[in-house]
Amino acid sequence: MGHHDTFFKRAFCVPEHAAGEIRSLLPPAVTSRMDLETLRLLPASFVDAQMAHRHADLLFRAMIDGEYAYLYFLFEHQSTPDHLMPFRVLTYILRIWDQLLREDPTRRTLPIIIPIIVHHGAQGWTAPRRLHECVAGLEAFPHLAPLVPDFELIVADLVHIDDEALRARPMGAFPKLALWALRDARSVERLLATVHEWGEEFRELKRQDPDEDDVGVVLRYILRAAGDLSYEVVRDKFIEVIPEVEADMASAAEQLIQRGVARGLKEGRLAARALLTRQLQLRFGALGPDAEAAIAKGTPEQLGGWAERVITAETLEDVFGAD
């Protein structure tokens, strides 16, 4: 799962945060009858293997008029929205219903499932929102429309939501900043143009979050999304506009550097082992289990030394013998 998905889940897996988004997106006639104090996150494993690399999904349950209903959040971050998304979501809804029926075979009715798409593609949502829009021929045969399943997606299209509307949402500072970062962080120009609007939210988040874990999560996401070339520009602008986050920004940057160094070292060792194995195979043929074990356990220094010996060694034993 990519860092966009991880960040979205980190922000909205908290029922209180999700409740604010629900209040913002559903009609008041529904939310007034929904007990969001009962909102609970449920295990959600309904994304098929082909879609798992593209989406983060969250499934919540809450009471409406004394009955359980389900709210299915799907985060879509592709620049080109999936034109079969209503069909994809239908398959997820069917899986949820099927699982509920398996758990309780005595059911005679199905619960409400409300699908919500949160989209932060730069071009906005251009794909169908209704299932009927995915079905060819219905416009020519309107009398058949009642015979074909249909439903509509709720799409929170972040690119079309301005700062004032985001800040007005009935939620805490962390989820508001998360939505802003998801909307703007991939465009350094837009991020720098709007950061001054969010100083108070950062200050509020620091007050709400004494350990500053959430502040660090937001800043790390922003730095990753902005990219290496923009790091200093973003850092300097944040410190200029919101000086209260200077220490948090430095900490976030250091954590990203450490993660990158660790990942780079791991990838470097894997590449060195693969290259040495290939060199040995070309020079001496298939490797035995002892040689493979030595390469797998070798330190970076040992791998480098063995690679040098391949050039002059006459036998495989000459390569590893000195160690």
Foldseek 3Di string as FASTA:
>chain_A
DDLLQVLVCVQCQPLQSVVLVCVLQDDPVFVVQWDSVQKHWDDADQQDPVCPVFWHKTKIWTDGNRDIAIEIEIEGEDLADDQQVVVNVVSSVVVVQVVVCVVPVVDPDGHHYAYEYEYQHQVWDDHAFKNVVVDPDCVVPVVCVVVDDMDGYRYNTLLPQDLVNLVPGPHALLSSLSSVCSNPLLPVVSCLVCVLVNQVSLVRVCVVCVVCPSVLSSLLSSQVNNDDVCLVVVLVSCCVRRVVCNVSNVVSVVVVVVVVVVVVVVVVLVVLLVVLLVLCCVQANDDDPVVNVCSVPDDPVLSVQLSVVSVPDPHPCSSVVVD
